[in-house]
Amino acid sequence: MEDTDRKRTISLIEKYRVIAIIRMTDSARIKKVVEAIRAGGVHGIEITMSVPNAAEIIESLQHENDGSAIIGAGTVTDSKTASRVIDAGAQYVVCPILDTEIIETCQDRGILCIPGCYTPTEIHTARKAGAELIKLFPATSLGPDFIKDIRGPFPALKLIPTGGVTVENAGSWIAAGAVAVGIGSDLLKKDVIQNEQYDLLTERAKLFVGYVNRASSAKS
């Protein structure tokens, strides 16, 4: 069952293609933010460890999840934290770095681990350790052409660029071969959230998803 759950998580990430990275310090507003962006078509939700009580928030979101949201934990840098968020219900674990112990911990629990990689060597090491999806980070320093180049020797590579992904360039990443993109501040505008303009979050999510879907359709 766990292997099936992991494969379903991968399938949903590849289907929806967008993961919203939530780094808010005001955890009281997270539920409304998640509702707003999901209304706009963003169903991948990553709660980072910088969020106060992140594990408890993941557990709460999963309690209300009807199965269509993909709720994971981000900025996980050690196996102990990985185990804690998995216990809370995280469907996937995202790391800003490559740590094979975290990959092993997730595999033992039947949970998808998305390690952060920057170089071809790190990517190769992550794949050998069993990583099925890889976070390309920080993507802003590399650019979409990196994906085209790296998929020459690694044609089956499944990358998720994160860091510097915007509404305007998201389509370029998908067109270059990314299976999904991770986006934070350009989707989750601080001033919009502080002013509780959740309708604007929904509209921005729709815009973002539209760019990604068009790029995906053009590529296929």
N, C-alpha and C. Protein backbone atom coordinates (compact mmCIF):
# COMPACT_ATOMS: atom_id res chain seq x y z
N MET A 1 0.83 -1.21 0.00
CA MET A 1 0.00 0.00 0.00
C MET A 1 0.86 1.26 0.00
N GLU A 2 1.97 1.23 0.78
CA GLU A 2 2.82 2.41 0.86
C GLU A 2 3.44 2.74 -0.50
N ASP A 3 3.88 1.67 -1.23
CA ASP A 3 4.46 1.90 -2.55
C ASP A 3 3.42 2.51 -3.48
N THR A 4 2.18 2.04 -3.36
CA THR A 4 1.09 2.59 -4.17
C THR A 4 0.84 4.04 -3.83
N ASP A 5 0.88 4.38 -2.55
CA ASP A 5 0.68 5.76 -2.12
C ASP A 5 1.77 6.68 -2.67
N ARG A 6 3.01 6.21 -2.64
CA ARG A 6 4.12 7.03 -3.15
C ARG A 6 3.97 7.27 -4.65
N LYS A 7 3.61 6.22 -5.37
CA LYS A 7 3.43 6.35 -6.81
C LYS A 7 2.26 7.28 -7.13
N ARG A 8 1.21 7.23 -6.30
CA ARG A 8 0.07 8.13 -6.51
C ARG A 8 0.49 9.58 -6.28
N THR A 9 1.33 9.83 -5.28
CA THR A 9 1.82 11.18 -5.02
C THR A 9 2.61 11.70 -6.22
N ILE A 10 3.48 10.86 -6.77
CA ILE A 10 4.26 11.26 -7.95
C ILE A 10 3.33 11.57 -9.11
N SER A 11 2.33 10.73 -9.29
CA SER A 11 1.38 10.91 -10.39
C SER A 11 0.63 12.23 -10.26
N LEU A 12 0.21 12.57 -9.04
CA LEU A 12 -0.53 13.82 -8.82
C LEU A 12 0.36 15.04 -9.03
N ILE A 13 1.62 14.97 -8.59
CA ILE A 13 2.54 16.08 -8.80
C ILE A 13 2.75 16.32 -10.29
N GLU A 14 2.91 15.24 -11.04
CA GLU A 14 3.09 15.37 -12.48
C GLU A 14 1.82 15.82 -13.18
N LYS A 15 0.69 15.51 -12.60
CA LYS A 15 -0.59 15.93 -13.18
C LYS A 15 -0.83 17.42 -12.97
N TYR A 16 -0.65 17.89 -11.73
CA TYR A 16 -0.96 19.29 -11.41
C TYR A 16 0.20 20.24 -11.71
N ARG A 17 1.44 19.76 -11.62
CA ARG A 17 2.63 20.47 -12.07
C ARG A 17 3.02 21.70 -11.25
N VAL A 18 2.29 22.02 -10.23
CA VAL A 18 2.60 23.22 -9.44
C VAL A 18 2.61 22.88 -7.95
N ILE A 19 3.68 23.27 -7.26
CA ILE A 19 3.76 23.11 -5.81
C ILE A 19 3.94 24.50 -5.20
N ALA A 20 3.01 24.89 -4.35
CA ALA A 20 3.10 26.18 -3.66
C ALA A 20 3.93 25.99 -2.39
N ILE A 21 4.98 26.78 -2.26
CA ILE A 21 5.88 26.67 -1.12
C ILE A 21 5.50 27.72 -0.09
N ILE A 22 5.00 27.26 1.03
CA ILE A 22 4.48 28.17 2.06
C ILE A 22 5.51 28.34 3.17
N ARG A 23 5.97 29.59 3.32
CA ARG A 23 6.98 29.92 4.34
C ARG A 23 6.44 30.96 5.32
N MET A 24 5.15 31.08 5.43
CA MET A 24 4.53 32.10 6.25
C MET A 24 4.88 31.94 7.74
N THR A 25 5.01 33.07 8.41
CA THR A 25 5.21 33.03 9.86
C THR A 25 3.88 33.17 10.60
N ASP A 26 2.88 33.69 9.91
CA ASP A 26 1.54 33.81 10.49
C ASP A 26 0.75 32.55 10.15
N SER A 27 0.92 31.53 10.98
CA SER A 27 0.31 30.24 10.67
C SER A 27 -1.22 30.27 10.77
N ALA A 28 -1.77 31.28 11.42
CA ALA A 28 -3.22 31.36 11.58
C ALA A 28 -3.93 31.56 10.25
N ARG A 29 -3.22 32.11 9.26
CA ARG A 29 -3.84 32.39 7.97
C ARG A 29 -3.59 31.31 6.92
N ILE A 30 -2.83 30.30 7.28
CA ILE A 30 -2.43 29.31 6.28
C ILE A 30 -3.62 28.57 5.69
N LYS A 31 -4.57 28.19 6.50
CA LYS A 31 -5.71 27.43 5.99
C LYS A 31 -6.46 28.22 4.93
N LYS A 32 -6.67 29.51 5.15
CA LYS A 32 -7.38 30.34 4.16
C LYS A 32 -6.53 30.53 2.91
N VAL A 33 -5.22 30.64 3.08
CA VAL A 33 -4.33 30.77 1.93
C VAL A 33 -4.39 29.51 1.08
N VAL A 34 -4.36 28.37 1.72
CA VAL A 34 -4.43 27.09 1.00
C VAL A 34 -5.76 26.97 0.26
N GLU A 35 -6.84 27.35 0.92
CA GLU A 35 -8.15 27.30 0.27
C GLU A 35 -8.19 28.21 -0.96
N ALA A 36 -7.57 29.38 -0.84
CA ALA A 36 -7.60 30.35 -1.95
C ALA A 36 -6.81 29.86 -3.15
N ILE A 37 -5.61 29.34 -2.94
CA ILE A 37 -4.82 28.91 -4.09
C ILE A 37 -5.36 27.61 -4.67
N ARG A 38 -5.96 26.77 -3.85
CA ARG A 38 -6.57 25.55 -4.38
C ARG A 38 -7.78 25.89 -5.25
N ALA A 39 -8.49 26.93 -4.89
CA ALA A 39 -9.60 27.38 -5.71
C ALA A 39 -9.11 27.85 -7.07
N GLY A 40 -7.84 28.26 -7.13
CA GLY A 40 -7.24 28.69 -8.39
C GLY A 40 -6.55 27.57 -9.14
N GLY A 41 -6.61 26.35 -8.61
CA GLY A 41 -6.05 25.20 -9.32
C GLY A 41 -4.70 24.72 -8.85
N VAL A 42 -4.17 25.30 -7.78
CA VAL A 42 -2.87 24.86 -7.23
C VAL A 42 -3.15 23.86 -6.11
N HIS A 43 -2.83 22.60 -6.35
CA HIS A 43 -3.16 21.55 -5.38
C HIS A 43 -1.93 20.97 -4.68
N GLY A 44 -0.74 21.34 -5.13
CA GLY A 44 0.47 20.91 -4.45
C GLY A 44 0.81 21.91 -3.35
N ILE A 45 0.84 21.47 -2.12
CA ILE A 45 1.07 22.35 -0.97
C ILE A 45 2.30 21.86 -0.19
N GLU A 46 3.28 22.74 -0.05
CA GLU A 46 4.49 22.40 0.70
C GLU A 46 4.61 23.34 1.90
N ILE A 47 4.47 22.78 3.09
CA ILE A 47 4.60 23.55 4.33
C ILE A 47 6.05 23.42 4.79
N THR A 48 6.79 24.52 4.79
CA THR A 48 8.21 24.46 5.15
C THR A 48 8.39 24.45 6.66
N MET A 49 9.54 23.98 7.07
CA MET A 49 9.84 23.88 8.50
C MET A 49 10.06 25.25 9.15
N SER A 50 10.12 26.30 8.35
CA SER A 50 10.22 27.65 8.91
C SER A 50 8.87 28.15 9.42
N VAL A 51 7.80 27.46 9.06
CA VAL A 51 6.47 27.81 9.53
C VAL A 51 6.30 27.33 10.97
N PRO A 52 5.88 28.20 11.89
CA PRO A 52 5.67 27.76 13.28
C PRO A 52 4.69 26.60 13.34
N ASN A 53 5.04 25.58 14.10
CA ASN A 53 4.18 24.40 14.27
C ASN A 53 3.85 23.73 12.94
N ALA A 54 4.87 23.62 12.10
CA ALA A 54 4.67 23.09 10.75
C ALA A 54 4.04 21.70 10.75
N ALA A 55 4.54 20.80 11.60
CA ALA A 55 4.02 19.44 11.62
C ALA A 55 2.54 19.42 12.00
N GLU A 56 2.17 20.24 12.98
CA GLU A 56 0.77 20.30 13.40
C GLU A 56 -0.12 20.85 12.28
N ILE A 57 0.39 21.80 11.52
CA ILE A 57 -0.37 22.36 10.40
C ILE A 57 -0.57 21.32 9.31
N ILE A 58 0.48 20.56 9.02
CA ILE A 58 0.35 19.48 8.04
C ILE A 58 -0.71 18.48 8.47
N GLU A 59 -0.68 18.13 9.74
CA GLU A 59 -1.67 17.19 10.26
C GLU A 59 -3.09 17.74 10.13
N SER A 60 -3.26 19.02 10.43
CA SER A 60 -4.57 19.64 10.34
C SER A 60 -5.07 19.70 8.90
N LEU A 61 -4.18 20.06 7.97
CA LEU A 61 -4.56 20.13 6.55
C LEU A 61 -4.92 18.75 6.02
N GLN A 62 -4.18 17.74 6.44
CA GLN A 62 -4.48 16.39 5.99
C GLN A 62 -5.81 15.89 6.55
N HIS A 63 -6.13 16.32 7.74
CA HIS A 63 -7.40 15.91 8.35
C HIS A 63 -8.59 16.36 7.51
N GLU A 64 -8.43 17.51 6.82
CA GLU A 64 -9.51 18.05 6.01
C GLU A 64 -9.32 17.78 4.51
N ASN A 65 -8.26 17.05 4.17
CA ASN A 65 -7.95 16.79 2.76
C ASN A 65 -8.91 15.75 2.19
N ASP A 66 -9.55 16.11 1.09
CA ASP A 66 -10.48 15.17 0.45
C ASP A 66 -9.77 14.23 -0.51
N GLY A 67 -8.46 14.31 -0.54
CA GLY A 67 -7.69 13.43 -1.41
C GLY A 67 -7.15 14.12 -2.65
N SER A 68 -7.65 15.31 -2.94
CA SER A 68 -7.20 16.00 -4.15
C SER A 68 -6.00 16.91 -3.92
N ALA A 69 -5.73 17.26 -2.67
CA ALA A 69 -4.55 18.07 -2.35
C ALA A 69 -3.35 17.16 -2.11
N ILE A 70 -2.17 17.65 -2.45
CA ILE A 70 -0.92 16.92 -2.20
C ILE A 70 -0.15 17.72 -1.17
N ILE A 71 -0.15 17.28 0.06
CA ILE A 71 0.39 18.06 1.16
C ILE A 71 1.71 17.46 1.62
N GLY A 72 2.77 18.27 1.54
CA GLY A 72 4.08 17.79 1.93
C GLY A 72 4.80 18.75 2.85
N ALA A 73 6.00 18.37 3.23
CA ALA A 73 6.83 19.18 4.12
C ALA A 73 8.08 19.63 3.38
N GLY A 74 8.48 20.88 3.58
CA GLY A 74 9.64 21.42 2.91
C GLY A 74 10.72 21.88 3.88
N THR A 75 11.90 22.16 3.34
CA THR A 75 13.07 22.60 4.11
C THR A 75 13.40 21.59 5.21
N VAL A 76 13.30 20.32 4.87
CA VAL A 76 13.65 19.24 5.80
C VAL A 76 15.14 18.93 5.63
N THR A 77 15.90 19.02 6.70
CA THR A 77 17.36 18.88 6.60
C THR A 77 17.94 17.75 7.44
N ASP A 78 17.09 16.95 8.09
CA ASP A 78 17.60 15.80 8.84
C ASP A 78 16.53 14.72 8.94
N SER A 79 16.97 13.52 9.21
CA SER A 79 16.07 12.36 9.23
C SER A 79 15.04 12.43 10.35
N LYS A 80 15.44 13.01 11.49
CA LYS A 80 14.51 13.12 12.61
C LYS A 80 13.30 13.97 12.24
N THR A 81 13.57 15.10 11.58
CA THR A 81 12.48 15.97 11.14
C THR A 81 11.64 15.27 10.08
N ALA A 82 12.28 14.54 9.19
CA ALA A 82 11.56 13.79 8.16
C ALA A 82 10.57 12.82 8.80
N SER A 83 11.02 12.10 9.82
CA SER A 83 10.14 11.15 10.51
C SER A 83 8.98 11.86 11.19
N ARG A 84 9.25 13.03 11.76
CA ARG A 84 8.20 13.77 12.47
C ARG A 84 7.10 14.23 11.51
N VAL A 85 7.49 14.75 10.34
CA VAL A 85 6.46 15.25 9.41
C VAL A 85 5.74 14.10 8.73
N ILE A 86 6.41 12.97 8.55
CA ILE A 86 5.73 11.80 8.00
C ILE A 86 4.68 11.31 8.99
N ASP A 87 5.02 11.30 10.27
CA ASP A 87 4.05 10.93 11.30
C ASP A 87 2.84 11.87 11.28
N ALA A 88 3.08 13.13 10.91
CA ALA A 88 2.01 14.13 10.87
C ALA A 88 1.13 13.98 9.63
N GLY A 89 1.58 13.19 8.67
CA GLY A 89 0.77 12.96 7.47
C GLY A 89 1.32 13.52 6.18
N ALA A 90 2.57 13.99 6.18
CA ALA A 90 3.15 14.51 4.94
C ALA A 90 3.20 13.43 3.87
N GLN A 91 2.73 13.78 2.68
CA GLN A 91 2.74 12.83 1.57
C GLN A 91 4.08 12.82 0.84
N TYR A 92 4.87 13.85 1.05
CA TYR A 92 6.21 13.91 0.46
C TYR A 92 7.07 14.82 1.31
N VAL A 93 8.37 14.64 1.20
CA VAL A 93 9.34 15.41 1.97
C VAL A 93 10.31 16.07 0.99
N VAL A 94 10.46 17.39 1.12
CA VAL A 94 11.33 18.15 0.22
C VAL A 94 12.52 18.70 1.01
N CYS A 95 13.71 18.57 0.43
CA CYS A 95 14.92 19.04 1.09
C CYS A 95 15.61 20.11 0.24
N PRO A 96 16.26 21.08 0.87
CA PRO A 96 17.02 22.08 0.11
C PRO A 96 18.39 21.56 -0.28
N ILE A 97 18.74 20.37 0.26
CA ILE A 97 20.06 19.78 0.04
C ILE A 97 19.89 18.30 -0.28
N LEU A 98 21.01 17.67 -0.65
CA LEU A 98 21.02 16.23 -0.87
C LEU A 98 21.57 15.54 0.37
N ASP A 99 20.73 14.76 1.02
CA ASP A 99 21.12 13.98 2.20
C ASP A 99 20.56 12.57 2.00
N THR A 100 21.42 11.62 1.72
CA THR A 100 20.94 10.27 1.40
C THR A 100 20.28 9.60 2.60
N GLU A 101 20.60 10.03 3.82
CA GLU A 101 19.93 9.46 5.00
C GLU A 101 18.45 9.82 5.01
N ILE A 102 18.14 11.04 4.60
CA ILE A 102 16.74 11.45 4.54
C ILE A 102 16.00 10.65 3.47
N ILE A 103 16.64 10.45 2.33
CA ILE A 103 16.03 9.64 1.27
C ILE A 103 15.75 8.24 1.80
N GLU A 104 16.69 7.67 2.52
CA GLU A 104 16.52 6.32 3.07
C GLU A 104 15.40 6.27 4.09
N THR A 105 15.32 7.29 4.94
CA THR A 105 14.25 7.35 5.95
C THR A 105 12.88 7.37 5.27
N CYS A 106 12.75 8.19 4.24
CA CYS A 106 11.48 8.28 3.52
C CYS A 106 11.15 6.96 2.81
N GLN A 107 12.15 6.33 2.22
CA GLN A 107 11.92 5.07 1.54
C GLN A 107 11.45 4.00 2.52
N ASP A 108 12.05 3.98 3.71
CA ASP A 108 11.64 3.00 4.73
C ASP A 108 10.19 3.18 5.13
N ARG A 109 9.70 4.43 5.01
CA ARG A 109 8.31 4.72 5.39
C ARG A 109 7.37 4.72 4.19
N GLY A 110 7.91 4.47 3.00
CA GLY A 110 7.08 4.45 1.81
C GLY A 110 6.63 5.82 1.34
N ILE A 111 7.42 6.85 1.69
CA ILE A 111 7.07 8.24 1.38
C ILE A 111 8.04 8.81 0.34
N LEU A 112 7.53 9.62 -0.57
CA LEU A 112 8.34 10.26 -1.59
C LEU A 112 9.27 11.29 -0.97
N CYS A 113 10.55 11.24 -1.33
CA CYS A 113 11.51 12.26 -0.93
C CYS A 113 11.98 13.00 -2.19
N ILE A 114 11.96 14.33 -2.13
CA ILE A 114 12.41 15.17 -3.25
C ILE A 114 13.63 15.96 -2.76
N PRO A 115 14.84 15.43 -2.98
CA PRO A 115 16.04 16.12 -2.49
C PRO A 115 16.41 17.29 -3.37
N GLY A 116 17.09 18.27 -2.79
CA GLY A 116 17.55 19.43 -3.54
C GLY A 116 18.92 19.18 -4.13
N CYS A 117 19.07 19.40 -5.43
CA CYS A 117 20.34 19.20 -6.12
C CYS A 117 20.64 20.39 -7.01
N TYR A 118 21.94 20.59 -7.27
CA TYR A 118 22.38 21.72 -8.09
C TYR A 118 23.30 21.30 -9.22
N THR A 119 24.06 20.23 -9.01
CA THR A 119 25.05 19.80 -10.00
C THR A 119 24.69 18.44 -10.58
N PRO A 120 25.26 18.10 -11.75
CA PRO A 120 25.03 16.77 -12.32
C PRO A 120 25.45 15.65 -11.37
N THR A 121 26.53 15.85 -10.63
CA THR A 121 26.99 14.82 -9.68
C THR A 121 25.98 14.62 -8.57
N GLU A 122 25.45 15.72 -8.03
CA GLU A 122 24.43 15.59 -6.99
C GLU A 122 23.19 14.90 -7.53
N ILE A 123 22.79 15.25 -8.73
CA ILE A 123 21.62 14.64 -9.35
C ILE A 123 21.83 13.14 -9.51
N HIS A 124 23.00 12.75 -9.99
CA HIS A 124 23.32 11.34 -10.18
C HIS A 124 23.31 10.59 -8.84
N THR A 125 23.90 11.21 -7.82
CA THR A 125 23.93 10.60 -6.49
C THR A 125 22.53 10.41 -5.93
N ALA A 126 21.69 11.42 -6.13
CA ALA A 126 20.30 11.34 -5.64
C ALA A 126 19.55 10.21 -6.33
N ARG A 127 19.74 10.09 -7.62
CA ARG A 127 19.06 9.01 -8.36
C ARG A 127 19.53 7.64 -7.90
N LYS A 128 20.85 7.49 -7.68
CA LYS A 128 21.39 6.22 -7.20
C LYS A 128 20.82 5.87 -5.82
N ALA A 129 20.53 6.90 -5.02
CA ALA A 129 19.98 6.68 -3.68
C ALA A 129 18.49 6.35 -3.72
N GLY A 130 17.88 6.51 -4.89
CA GLY A 130 16.48 6.14 -5.03
C GLY A 130 15.51 7.29 -5.22
N ALA A 131 16.02 8.52 -5.37
CA ALA A 131 15.12 9.67 -5.56
C ALA A 131 14.45 9.59 -6.93
N GLU A 132 13.13 9.70 -6.92
CA GLU A 132 12.37 9.61 -8.17
C GLU A 132 12.06 10.98 -8.77
N LEU A 133 11.92 11.97 -7.92
CA LEU A 133 11.78 13.36 -8.34
C LEU A 133 12.89 14.14 -7.65
N ILE A 134 13.44 15.13 -8.33
CA ILE A 134 14.55 15.91 -7.78
C ILE A 134 14.24 17.40 -7.88
N LYS A 135 14.45 18.09 -6.77
CA LYS A 135 14.29 19.54 -6.73
C LYS A 135 15.55 20.20 -7.25
N LEU A 136 15.43 20.98 -8.30
CA LEU A 136 16.56 21.73 -8.84
C LEU A 136 16.62 23.07 -8.10
N PHE A 137 17.66 23.24 -7.27
CA PHE A 137 17.70 24.40 -6.38
C PHE A 137 19.14 24.85 -6.14
N PRO A 138 19.37 26.19 -6.19
CA PRO A 138 18.43 27.25 -6.58
C PRO A 138 18.36 27.38 -8.10
N ALA A 139 17.18 27.24 -8.63
CA ALA A 139 16.99 27.20 -10.08
C ALA A 139 17.31 28.52 -10.76
N THR A 140 17.14 29.62 -10.04
CA THR A 140 17.36 30.94 -10.65
C THR A 140 18.79 31.10 -11.15
N SER A 141 19.74 30.38 -10.54
CA SER A 141 21.14 30.49 -10.95
C SER A 141 21.47 29.64 -12.17
N LEU A 142 20.54 28.77 -12.55
CA LEU A 142 20.81 27.84 -13.64
C LEU A 142 20.04 28.16 -14.92
N GLY A 143 18.75 28.41 -14.79
CA GLY A 143 17.94 28.74 -15.96
C GLY A 143 17.40 27.51 -16.66
N PRO A 144 16.32 27.67 -17.44
CA PRO A 144 15.66 26.54 -18.10
C PRO A 144 16.57 25.73 -19.02
N ASP A 145 17.56 26.37 -19.63
CA ASP A 145 18.44 25.63 -20.54
C ASP A 145 19.22 24.53 -19.82
N PHE A 146 19.41 24.68 -18.53
CA PHE A 146 20.10 23.63 -17.77
C PHE A 146 19.35 22.32 -17.87
N ILE A 147 18.02 22.39 -17.80
CA ILE A 147 17.22 21.17 -17.88
C ILE A 147 17.37 20.51 -19.24
N LYS A 148 17.35 21.31 -20.29
CA LYS A 148 17.55 20.75 -21.63
C LYS A 148 18.91 20.06 -21.73
N ASP A 149 19.94 20.67 -21.17
CA ASP A 149 21.28 20.11 -21.24
C ASP A 149 21.42 18.83 -20.42
N ILE A 150 20.92 18.85 -19.19
CA ILE A 150 21.11 17.72 -18.29
C ILE A 150 20.29 16.51 -18.72
N ARG A 151 19.19 16.75 -19.43
CA ARG A 151 18.38 15.63 -19.87
C ARG A 151 18.97 14.94 -21.10
N GLY A 152 20.09 15.47 -21.61
CA GLY A 152 20.82 14.77 -22.66
C GLY A 152 21.36 13.45 -22.14
N PRO A 153 22.23 13.51 -21.11
CA PRO A 153 22.72 12.26 -20.52
C PRO A 153 21.72 11.55 -19.62
N PHE A 154 20.70 12.30 -19.12
CA PHE A 154 19.69 11.72 -18.23
C PHE A 154 18.29 11.98 -18.81
N PRO A 155 17.92 11.29 -19.88
CA PRO A 155 16.65 11.59 -20.57
C PRO A 155 15.40 11.34 -19.74
N ALA A 156 15.48 10.46 -18.74
CA ALA A 156 14.30 10.15 -17.93
C ALA A 156 14.22 10.98 -16.65
N LEU A 157 15.10 11.96 -16.54
CA LEU A 157 15.20 12.77 -15.32
C LEU A 157 13.93 13.57 -15.08
N LYS A 158 13.47 13.57 -13.83
CA LYS A 158 12.27 14.32 -13.45
C LYS A 158 12.66 15.41 -12.46
N LEU A 159 12.73 16.64 -12.96
CA LEU A 159 13.19 17.77 -12.16
C LEU A 159 12.06 18.74 -11.82
N ILE A 160 12.16 19.32 -10.62
CA ILE A 160 11.22 20.34 -10.18
C ILE A 160 12.02 21.59 -9.81
N PRO A 161 12.17 22.55 -10.72
CA PRO A 161 12.92 23.77 -10.40
C PRO A 161 12.24 24.58 -9.32
N THR A 162 13.03 25.08 -8.40
CA THR A 162 12.53 25.88 -7.28
C THR A 162 13.55 26.96 -6.97
N GLY A 163 13.04 28.14 -6.66
CA GLY A 163 13.93 29.27 -6.38
C GLY A 163 14.04 30.14 -7.61
N GLY A 164 13.35 31.26 -7.61
CA GLY A 164 13.38 32.15 -8.76
C GLY A 164 12.32 31.83 -9.80
N VAL A 165 11.46 30.88 -9.53
CA VAL A 165 10.36 30.57 -10.45
C VAL A 165 9.27 31.62 -10.25
N THR A 166 8.81 32.21 -11.36
CA THR A 166 7.79 33.25 -11.31
C THR A 166 6.63 32.90 -12.22
N VAL A 167 5.57 33.66 -12.12
CA VAL A 167 4.42 33.47 -13.02
C VAL A 167 4.87 33.61 -14.46
N GLU A 168 5.77 34.56 -14.70
CA GLU A 168 6.18 34.86 -16.07
C GLU A 168 7.10 33.79 -16.66
N ASN A 169 7.95 33.15 -15.85
CA ASN A 169 8.89 32.19 -16.43
C ASN A 169 8.53 30.73 -16.18
N ALA A 170 7.44 30.47 -15.48
CA ALA A 170 7.06 29.10 -15.16
C ALA A 170 6.89 28.25 -16.41
N GLY A 171 6.25 28.82 -17.43
CA GLY A 171 6.03 28.09 -18.68
C GLY A 171 7.33 27.69 -19.35
N SER A 172 8.35 28.53 -19.23
CA SER A 172 9.65 28.23 -19.83
C SER A 172 10.29 27.01 -19.19
N TRP A 173 10.13 26.88 -17.89
CA TRP A 173 10.67 25.71 -17.19
C TRP A 173 9.97 24.43 -17.64
N ILE A 174 8.65 24.49 -17.76
CA ILE A 174 7.90 23.32 -18.21
C ILE A 174 8.27 22.97 -19.65
N ALA A 175 8.37 23.98 -20.49
CA ALA A 175 8.73 23.76 -21.89
C ALA A 175 10.12 23.15 -22.02
N ALA A 176 11.00 23.46 -21.08
CA ALA A 176 12.37 22.93 -21.11
C ALA A 176 12.44 21.47 -20.66
N GLY A 177 11.36 20.99 -20.03
CA GLY A 177 11.34 19.59 -19.62
C GLY A 177 11.09 19.33 -18.15
N ALA A 178 10.86 20.37 -17.34
CA ALA A 178 10.54 20.16 -15.93
C ALA A 178 9.19 19.45 -15.81
N VAL A 179 9.08 18.54 -14.84
CA VAL A 179 7.80 17.84 -14.65
C VAL A 179 6.83 18.68 -13.81
N ALA A 180 7.40 19.62 -13.04
CA ALA A 180 6.59 20.51 -12.20
C ALA A 180 7.48 21.67 -11.79
N VAL A 181 6.88 22.66 -11.14
CA VAL A 181 7.64 23.79 -10.62
C VAL A 181 7.22 24.07 -9.19
N GLY A 182 8.16 24.57 -8.41
CA GLY A 182 7.86 25.01 -7.06
C GLY A 182 7.92 26.52 -7.02
N ILE A 183 6.90 27.14 -6.45
CA ILE A 183 6.86 28.61 -6.42
C ILE A 183 6.44 29.09 -5.03
N GLY A 184 7.10 30.15 -4.60
CA GLY A 184 6.81 30.69 -3.28
C GLY A 184 6.30 32.11 -3.34
N SER A 185 7.21 33.06 -3.19
CA SER A 185 6.84 34.46 -2.99
C SER A 185 6.11 35.08 -4.18
N ASP A 186 6.38 34.63 -5.39
CA ASP A 186 5.71 35.25 -6.53
C ASP A 186 4.25 34.85 -6.63
N LEU A 187 3.88 33.78 -5.99
CA LEU A 187 2.47 33.39 -5.91
C LEU A 187 1.85 33.89 -4.62
N LEU A 188 2.56 33.70 -3.52
CA LEU A 188 2.03 34.03 -2.20
C LEU A 188 2.54 35.40 -1.77
N LYS A 189 1.99 36.43 -2.39
CA LYS A 189 2.41 37.81 -2.13
C LYS A 189 2.13 38.20 -0.68
N LYS A 190 3.16 38.69 0.01
CA LYS A 190 3.00 39.02 1.42
C LYS A 190 1.94 40.07 1.67
N ASP A 191 1.95 41.14 0.85
CA ASP A 191 0.99 42.22 1.09
C ASP A 191 -0.44 41.75 0.84
N VAL A 192 -0.62 40.89 -0.14
CA VAL A 192 -1.96 40.36 -0.43
C VAL A 192 -2.46 39.52 0.74
N ILE A 193 -1.58 38.70 1.29
CA ILE A 193 -1.96 37.86 2.43
C ILE A 193 -2.22 38.71 3.67
N GLN A 194 -1.36 39.69 3.91
CA GLN A 194 -1.55 40.55 5.08
C GLN A 194 -2.87 41.31 5.02
N ASN A 195 -3.28 41.69 3.80
CA ASN A 195 -4.55 42.40 3.62
C ASN A 195 -5.73 41.45 3.45
N GLU A 196 -5.45 40.15 3.57
CA GLU A 196 -6.48 39.10 3.48
C GLU A 196 -7.29 39.21 2.18
N GLN A 197 -6.57 39.50 1.09
CA GLN A 197 -7.22 39.59 -0.23
C GLN A 197 -7.13 38.22 -0.92
N TYR A 198 -7.86 37.28 -0.37
CA TYR A 198 -7.75 35.91 -0.80
C TYR A 198 -8.26 35.70 -2.23
N ASP A 199 -9.16 36.55 -2.66
CA ASP A 199 -9.63 36.46 -4.04
C ASP A 199 -8.50 36.76 -5.03
N LEU A 200 -7.60 37.67 -4.64
CA LEU A 200 -6.46 37.97 -5.50
C LEU A 200 -5.48 36.80 -5.56
N LEU A 201 -5.35 36.07 -4.45
CA LEU A 201 -4.52 34.87 -4.45
C LEU A 201 -5.08 33.83 -5.41
N THR A 202 -6.39 33.68 -5.40
CA THR A 202 -7.04 32.73 -6.29
C THR A 202 -6.80 33.10 -7.75
N GLU A 203 -6.93 34.38 -8.06
CA GLU A 203 -6.72 34.83 -9.44
C GLU A 203 -5.27 34.63 -9.88
N ARG A 204 -4.33 34.89 -8.97
CA ARG A 204 -2.92 34.71 -9.33
C ARG A 204 -2.61 33.22 -9.52
N ALA A 205 -3.22 32.38 -8.70
CA ALA A 205 -3.03 30.94 -8.87
C ALA A 205 -3.57 30.48 -10.22
N LYS A 206 -4.72 31.00 -10.62
CA LYS A 206 -5.29 30.66 -11.93
C LYS A 206 -4.36 31.08 -13.06
N LEU A 207 -3.78 32.28 -12.92
CA LEU A 207 -2.86 32.79 -13.93
C LEU A 207 -1.64 31.88 -14.03
N PHE A 208 -1.11 31.51 -12.90
CA PHE A 208 0.07 30.67 -12.85
C PHE A 208 -0.21 29.31 -13.48
N VAL A 209 -1.31 28.68 -13.08
CA VAL A 209 -1.68 27.36 -13.61
C VAL A 209 -1.92 27.44 -15.11
N GLY A 210 -2.49 28.55 -15.56
CA GLY A 210 -2.74 28.73 -16.98
C GLY A 210 -1.46 28.72 -17.80
N TYR A 211 -0.45 29.46 -17.33
CA TYR A 211 0.85 29.48 -18.02
C TYR A 211 1.46 28.07 -18.08
N VAL A 212 1.40 27.37 -16.97
CA VAL A 212 2.00 26.03 -16.90
C VAL A 212 1.26 25.06 -17.81
N ASN A 213 -0.06 25.10 -17.78
CA ASN A 213 -0.84 24.17 -18.61
C ASN A 213 -0.65 24.43 -20.10
N ARG A 214 -0.56 25.70 -20.46
CA ARG A 214 -0.34 26.01 -21.89
C ARG A 214 1.02 25.51 -22.35
N ALA A 215 2.02 25.68 -21.51
CA ALA A 215 3.37 25.22 -21.87
C ALA A 215 3.39 23.69 -21.97
N SER A 216 2.68 23.04 -21.07
CA SER A 216 2.61 21.58 -21.09
C SER A 216 1.91 21.06 -22.35
N SER A 217 0.82 21.73 -22.72
CA SER A 217 0.06 21.33 -23.91
C SER A 217 0.87 21.54 -25.18
N ALA A 218 1.62 22.63 -25.23
CA ALA A 218 2.44 22.92 -26.40
C ALA A 218 3.58 21.92 -26.56
N LYS A 219 4.05 21.40 -25.43
CA LYS A 219 5.17 20.47 -25.45
C LYS A 219 4.73 19.07 -25.90
N SER A 220 3.48 18.70 -25.58
CA SER A 220 3.00 17.35 -25.88
C SER A 220 2.47 17.20 -27.29
